[in-house]
Protein backbone atom coordinates (compact mmCIF):
# COMPACT_ATOMS: atom_id res chain seq x y z
CA MET A 1 19.08 -6.29 -12.33
CA MET A 2 16.17 -8.66 -13.03
CA GLU A 3 16.52 -10.43 -16.36
CA LYS A 4 13.58 -9.77 -18.73
CA ASP A 5 12.75 -13.49 -18.90
CA ALA A 6 13.29 -14.20 -15.19
CA LYS A 7 10.52 -15.96 -13.34
CA ILE A 8 8.83 -13.35 -11.20
CA TYR A 9 6.08 -14.15 -8.67
CA VAL A 10 3.72 -11.34 -7.66
CA ALA A 11 1.80 -12.26 -4.50
CA GLY A 12 -1.51 -10.37 -4.19
CA HIS A 13 -1.80 -9.61 -7.90
CA ARG A 14 -5.54 -8.91 -7.69
CA GLY A 15 -5.15 -6.12 -5.13
CA MET A 16 -4.56 -2.48 -5.91
CA VAL A 17 -0.76 -2.70 -5.37
CA GLY A 18 -0.17 -6.18 -6.81
CA SER A 19 -2.14 -5.41 -10.00
CA ALA A 20 -0.13 -2.20 -10.49
CA ILE A 21 3.19 -4.13 -10.10
CA VAL A 22 2.05 -6.66 -12.71
CA ARG A 23 1.07 -3.79 -15.11
CA GLU A 24 4.48 -2.17 -14.55
CA LEU A 25 6.44 -5.38 -15.12
CA TYR A 26 4.66 -6.00 -18.41
CA LYS A 27 5.15 -2.38 -19.40
CA GLN A 28 8.94 -2.75 -18.79
CA GLY A 29 9.16 -5.91 -20.92
CA TYR A 30 9.22 -8.64 -18.26
CA THR A 31 7.59 -11.73 -19.78
CA ASN A 32 7.58 -14.52 -17.24
CA ILE A 33 5.25 -13.38 -14.45
CA ILE A 34 3.58 -15.93 -12.20
CA THR A 35 0.38 -15.23 -10.24
CA ARG A 36 -2.11 -17.25 -8.16
CA THR A 37 -5.53 -16.21 -6.97
CA HIS A 38 -6.52 -16.72 -3.39
CA LYS A 39 -8.66 -19.66 -4.47
CA GLU A 40 -5.74 -21.30 -6.22
CA LEU A 41 -3.28 -20.68 -3.38
CA ASP A 42 -4.09 -19.66 0.19
CA LEU A 43 -0.93 -17.98 1.44
CA CYS A 44 -1.95 -18.69 5.08
CA ARG A 45 -1.57 -22.42 4.46
CA GLN A 46 2.13 -23.20 4.96
CA ALA A 47 2.17 -26.63 3.24
CA ASP A 48 0.47 -25.19 0.13
CA VAL A 49 2.86 -22.24 -0.10
CA GLU A 50 5.88 -24.63 0.30
CA ALA A 51 4.51 -26.87 -2.47
CA PHE A 52 3.97 -23.87 -4.77
CA PHE A 53 7.53 -22.52 -4.29
CA GLU A 54 9.04 -26.02 -4.73
CA ALA A 55 7.17 -26.52 -8.01
CA GLU A 56 7.62 -23.05 -9.45
CA LYS A 57 11.03 -21.86 -8.05
CA PRO A 58 10.44 -18.11 -8.69
CA GLU A 59 13.70 -16.17 -8.97
CA TYR A 60 12.17 -12.86 -7.82
CA VAL A 61 9.25 -12.20 -5.52
CA PHE A 62 7.12 -9.11 -5.00
CA LEU A 63 5.14 -9.62 -1.73
CA ALA A 64 2.16 -7.34 -2.13
CA ALA A 65 -0.45 -9.66 -0.56
CA ALA A 66 -2.02 -8.51 2.75
CA LYS A 67 -5.21 -8.33 4.72
CA VAL A 68 -6.01 -4.59 4.73
CA GLY A 69 -8.71 -2.20 5.85
CA GLY A 70 -9.48 1.22 7.28
CA ILE A 71 -9.60 2.35 10.93
CA MET A 72 -12.87 0.60 11.63
CA ALA A 73 -11.86 -2.79 10.18
CA ASN A 74 -8.44 -2.62 11.82
CA SER A 75 -9.76 -1.81 15.29
CA GLN A 76 -12.60 -4.36 15.19
CA ALA A 77 -10.51 -7.33 14.01
CA LEU A 78 -7.07 -6.95 15.66
CA ALA A 79 -6.43 -10.67 16.07
CA ASP A 80 -7.45 -11.46 12.47
CA PHE A 81 -5.27 -8.74 11.06
CA MET A 82 -2.24 -9.92 13.07
CA TYR A 83 -2.70 -13.60 12.43
CA ASP A 84 -3.44 -13.40 8.65
CA ASN A 85 -0.69 -10.93 7.82
CA MET A 86 2.01 -12.56 9.94
CA THR A 87 1.16 -16.04 8.66
CA LEU A 88 1.04 -15.20 4.92
CA GLU A 89 4.16 -13.06 4.95
CA MET A 90 6.22 -15.63 6.93
CA ASN A 91 5.06 -18.43 4.73
CA VAL A 92 6.07 -16.59 1.54
CA ILE A 93 9.40 -15.14 2.76
CA HIS A 94 10.45 -18.47 4.38
CA SER A 95 9.52 -20.52 1.24
CA ALA A 96 11.32 -18.00 -1.00
CA TRP A 97 14.48 -18.45 1.09
CA GLN A 98 14.13 -22.25 1.21
CA ASN A 99 13.87 -22.37 -2.58
CA GLY A 100 16.77 -20.13 -3.45
CA CYS A 101 14.87 -17.00 -4.46
CA LYS A 102 17.40 -14.45 -5.73
CA LYS A 103 15.63 -11.38 -4.41
CA LEU A 104 12.39 -10.54 -2.63
CA LEU A 105 10.69 -7.16 -2.08
CA PHE A 106 8.39 -6.94 0.95
CA LEU A 107 5.77 -4.23 0.99
CA GLY A 108 4.94 -2.67 4.35
CA SER A 109 2.98 0.44 5.28
CA SER A 110 3.71 3.83 6.76
CA CYS A 111 1.72 2.76 9.86
CA ILE A 112 4.80 0.84 11.07
CA TYR A 113 6.24 4.08 12.28
CA PRO A 114 5.65 5.36 15.82
CA LYS A 115 2.47 7.40 16.42
CA LEU A 116 4.56 10.37 17.64
CA ALA A 117 7.42 10.02 15.16
CA PRO A 118 9.14 13.30 14.20
CA GLN A 119 7.77 14.61 10.83
CA PRO A 120 8.61 13.94 8.11
CA MET A 121 9.28 10.33 9.12
CA LYS A 122 12.72 8.92 8.34
CA GLU A 123 13.34 5.22 7.96
CA ASP A 124 15.45 5.03 11.13
CA CYS A 125 12.57 6.17 13.41
CA LEU A 126 11.22 2.61 13.30
CA LEU A 127 10.73 1.09 16.80
CA THR A 128 11.76 4.24 18.62
CA SER A 129 8.40 4.64 20.41
CA GLY A 130 4.81 3.39 20.64
CA LEU A 131 2.47 2.67 17.66
CA GLU A 132 -0.96 4.04 16.85
CA PRO A 133 -3.31 1.77 18.86
CA THR A 134 -6.03 1.50 16.22
CA ASN A 135 -3.82 -0.32 13.73
CA GLU A 136 -1.13 -1.71 16.04
CA ALA A 137 -1.85 -5.29 15.15
CA TYR A 138 -1.35 -4.64 11.39
CA ALA A 139 1.80 -2.56 12.04
CA LEU A 140 3.31 -5.27 14.28
CA ALA A 141 2.70 -7.87 11.58
CA LYS A 142 4.39 -5.64 8.97
CA ILE A 143 7.31 -4.88 11.25
CA SER A 144 7.82 -8.63 11.76
CA GLY A 145 7.91 -9.19 8.00
CA LEU A 146 10.52 -6.56 7.31
CA LYS A 147 12.59 -7.68 10.29
CA TYR A 148 12.46 -11.30 9.07
CA CYS A 149 13.83 -10.12 5.75
CA GLU A 150 16.58 -8.22 7.55
CA TYR A 151 17.47 -11.23 9.77
CA LEU A 152 17.63 -13.60 6.76
CA ASN A 153 20.01 -11.14 5.09
CA LYS A 154 22.21 -11.09 8.16
CA GLN A 155 22.14 -14.84 8.94
CA TYR A 156 22.07 -16.34 5.46
CA GLY A 157 23.26 -13.55 3.10
CA THR A 158 20.01 -13.22 1.20
CA ASP A 159 19.09 -10.05 -0.72
CA TYR A 160 15.62 -9.34 0.63
CA ILE A 161 14.48 -5.73 0.82
CA SER A 162 11.41 -3.86 2.06
CA ALA A 163 9.56 -0.72 0.93
CA MET A 164 7.17 1.41 2.97
CA PRO A 165 4.59 3.24 0.89
CA THR A 166 2.59 6.23 2.01
CA ASN A 167 -1.25 6.43 1.55
CA LEU A 168 -2.05 4.90 -1.83
CA TYR A 169 -4.87 5.30 -4.35
CA GLY A 170 -5.65 4.48 -7.93
CA PRO A 171 -7.06 1.64 -10.17
CA ASN A 172 -8.50 -1.34 -8.37
CA ASP A 173 -8.99 0.52 -5.06
CA ASN A 174 -11.72 -0.38 -2.64
CA TYR A 175 -14.66 2.05 -2.78
CA HIS A 176 -16.71 0.38 -0.05
CA PRO A 177 -18.93 2.94 1.88
CA THR A 178 -17.56 1.95 5.31
CA HIS A 179 -14.44 -0.14 4.71
CA SER A 180 -12.43 2.07 2.35
CA HIS A 181 -9.64 4.60 2.95
CA VAL A 182 -10.22 8.37 2.86
CA LEU A 183 -9.58 9.17 -0.80
CA PRO A 184 -11.67 6.39 -2.40
CA ALA A 185 -14.38 7.05 0.18
CA LEU A 186 -14.51 10.69 -0.89
CA ILE A 187 -14.69 9.79 -4.54
CA ARG A 188 -17.70 7.59 -3.88
CA ARG A 189 -19.42 10.15 -1.57
CA PHE A 190 -19.03 13.07 -3.96
CA HIS A 191 -20.02 11.03 -6.94
CA GLU A 192 -23.21 9.86 -5.25
CA ALA A 193 -23.92 13.45 -3.99
CA LYS A 194 -23.57 14.77 -7.51
CA GLU A 195 -25.82 11.99 -8.95
CA ASN A 196 -28.46 12.61 -6.27
CA GLY A 197 -28.31 16.39 -6.47
CA ALA A 198 -27.41 16.72 -2.79
CA LYS A 199 -27.05 20.30 -1.62
CA GLU A 200 -24.40 19.47 0.96
CA VAL A 201 -21.91 16.73 1.92
CA TYR A 202 -20.76 16.11 5.49
CA CYS A 203 -17.13 15.04 6.14
CA TRP A 204 -15.52 13.84 9.36
CA GLY A 205 -13.50 16.06 11.69
CA THR A 206 -12.23 19.55 11.06
CA GLY A 207 -10.35 18.88 7.84
CA SER A 208 -7.11 20.14 9.36
CA ALA A 209 -5.20 16.79 9.45
CA LEU A 210 -2.36 16.61 6.96
CA ARG A 211 -1.82 13.62 4.70
CA GLU A 212 0.37 12.47 1.77
CA PHE A 213 -0.97 10.45 -1.18
CA LEU A 214 0.84 8.44 -3.87
CA TYR A 215 -0.70 7.12 -7.12
CA VAL A 216 -0.40 3.36 -7.09
CA ASP A 217 1.26 3.10 -10.56
CA ASP A 218 4.04 5.34 -9.29
CA LEU A 219 4.50 2.95 -6.37
CA ALA A 220 4.72 0.01 -8.77
CA GLU A 221 7.42 1.79 -10.79
CA ALA A 222 9.34 2.51 -7.52
CA CYS A 223 9.13 -1.19 -6.52
CA VAL A 224 10.60 -2.39 -9.81
CA PHE A 225 13.25 0.33 -9.51
CA LEU A 226 14.19 -0.79 -5.98
CA MET A 227 14.33 -4.41 -7.03
CA ASN A 228 16.81 -3.46 -9.68
CA HIS A 229 18.84 -0.73 -7.86
CA TYR A 230 18.68 -1.28 -4.07
CA SER A 231 20.04 -3.78 -1.62
CA GLY A 232 20.16 -3.15 2.19
CA ASN A 233 18.66 -4.08 5.49
CA GLU A 234 16.95 -0.80 6.14
CA THR A 235 13.52 -0.20 4.64
CA VAL A 236 12.91 2.48 1.99
CA ASN A 237 10.08 5.01 2.19
CA VAL A 238 8.01 5.47 -0.99
CA GLY A 239 5.96 8.65 -1.26
CA THR A 240 5.79 12.10 -2.78
CA GLY A 241 7.23 14.07 0.16
CA LYS A 242 4.22 16.44 -0.29
CA GLU A 243 1.28 16.84 2.03
CA LEU A 244 -2.12 18.61 2.04
CA SER A 245 -4.92 18.99 4.49
CA ILE A 246 -7.98 16.71 4.39
CA LYS A 247 -10.01 19.90 3.73
CA GLU A 248 -7.80 20.65 0.61
CA LEU A 249 -8.11 17.03 -0.48
CA THR A 250 -11.91 17.09 -0.11
CA GLU A 251 -12.15 20.29 -2.22
CA LEU A 252 -9.90 18.75 -4.91
CA VAL A 253 -11.99 15.56 -5.11
CA ALA A 254 -15.19 17.66 -5.35
CA LYS A 255 -13.62 19.74 -8.10
CA VAL A 256 -12.52 16.65 -10.15
CA ILE A 257 -15.95 14.97 -9.85
CA GLY A 258 -17.83 18.26 -10.55
CA TYR A 259 -19.74 18.43 -7.32
CA GLU A 260 -20.87 22.05 -6.68
CA GLY A 261 -22.78 21.76 -3.42
CA GLU A 262 -21.57 22.72 0.00
CA ILE A 263 -18.97 20.82 2.05
CA LYS A 264 -19.67 20.76 5.79
CA TRP A 265 -17.56 19.31 8.63
CA ASP A 266 -18.85 17.13 11.50
CA THR A 267 -16.40 18.31 14.23
CA THR A 268 -17.78 15.69 16.65
CA LYS A 269 -15.88 13.09 14.58
CA PRO A 270 -12.12 12.47 15.03
CA ASP A 271 -9.42 13.85 12.71
CA GLY A 272 -6.94 10.99 13.34
CA THR A 273 -3.23 11.67 13.51
CA PRO A 274 -2.54 15.41 12.93
CA ARG A 275 0.27 14.81 10.42
CA LYS A 276 1.74 11.78 8.58
CA LEU A 277 4.45 12.53 6.04
CA LEU A 278 7.22 10.27 4.84
CA ASP A 279 10.81 11.54 4.37
CA VAL A 280 11.56 10.32 0.84
CA SER A 281 15.15 11.72 0.53
CA LYS A 282 16.65 8.23 0.61
CA LEU A 283 14.61 7.07 -2.40
CA GLU A 284 15.28 10.32 -4.29
CA GLY A 285 18.96 9.92 -3.51
CA LEU A 286 18.83 6.44 -5.15
CA GLY A 287 17.44 8.19 -8.34
CA TRP A 288 13.67 7.78 -8.26
CA LYS A 289 10.93 10.39 -7.87
CA TYR A 290 7.12 10.20 -8.26
CA HIS A 291 5.58 11.84 -11.29
CA THR A 292 1.73 11.69 -11.00
CA GLU A 293 0.41 14.83 -9.43
CA LEU A 294 -2.61 14.48 -7.16
CA GLU A 295 -5.26 16.16 -9.26
CA GLU A 296 -4.37 14.02 -12.27
CA GLY A 297 -4.24 10.91 -10.12
CA ILE A 298 -7.68 11.55 -8.66
CA ARG A 299 -9.01 12.02 -12.26
CA LEU A 300 -7.59 8.60 -13.20
CA ALA A 301 -8.96 7.07 -10.01
CA TYR A 302 -12.39 8.53 -10.70
CA GLU A 303 -12.27 7.01 -14.24
CA ASP A 304 -11.50 3.62 -12.64
CA PHE A 305 -14.44 4.05 -10.23
CA LEU A 306 -16.88 4.90 -13.07
CA HIS A 307 -15.80 2.05 -15.29
CA ASN A 308 -15.49 -0.63 -12.61
CA PRO A 309 -18.92 -1.26 -11.15
CA MET A 310 -17.63 -4.24 -9.07
CA ARG A 311 -15.36 -1.88 -7.25
CA ALA A 312 -18.18 0.62 -6.67
CA GLU A 313 -20.57 -1.97 -5.25
CA ARG A 314 -18.50 -3.92 -2.79
């Protein structure tokens, strides 16, 4: 168990996941949390990361920093996604190990699993077949990070763990019109349609693809739980174990926002992977389960969108 006054470093504290972890730690009474902005510490610069760890000596590390983006960003900047993510995670994990960090939690992504993995996806399907080509570079970087944690555990007896979240949403999300993920993109689109009195909204594909969504504050709670209750080389899936179609999701977002026009589908556009659901039985077996239902979570995310103009603009 992490001591309440232990020195805890949250890497990526300005992102959606990192900011949620910081909120959760304060909520649970942890008092000694260290953060650095990208301007203060560029995690891709090895010498700077080494100097930071040597000076601060954090006892626990939550590695939530990453270069992220949707399908378009991922497929257009493969080399950048691979280099930045591999470099920053290796720098942080290596420096943590060099400076005697007691425990580290590495955050991956469900895209690490094979494109054609059996559904729902269990942790042990990792590396059993090929990846989804559009975000292969990001997935390979994340796999390298979790494997480096595993190898340090095996070679040096460290206690470094990894968690793989499903699709996330919530406060501090990115609502950019072309570079955001599906749920925040829908929030923005329906909000603007409602404001402009649009009679119809077009969405991509057929709406038949199935997806799972987890509210980011639930993920943060799960991360603190795992840091306190889990040790092991195998990653742990973090999700709800529930899925819905993109069509159902779209209707739910429209309902929460109060958009009453017609939803139409542009079937010339792709659906993406037909189904992507995590098997969360391992995490539930450890004693943790999500608690924010999707409609309530979307309502909270919409509140964030409305009261955070910086997020809406970028």
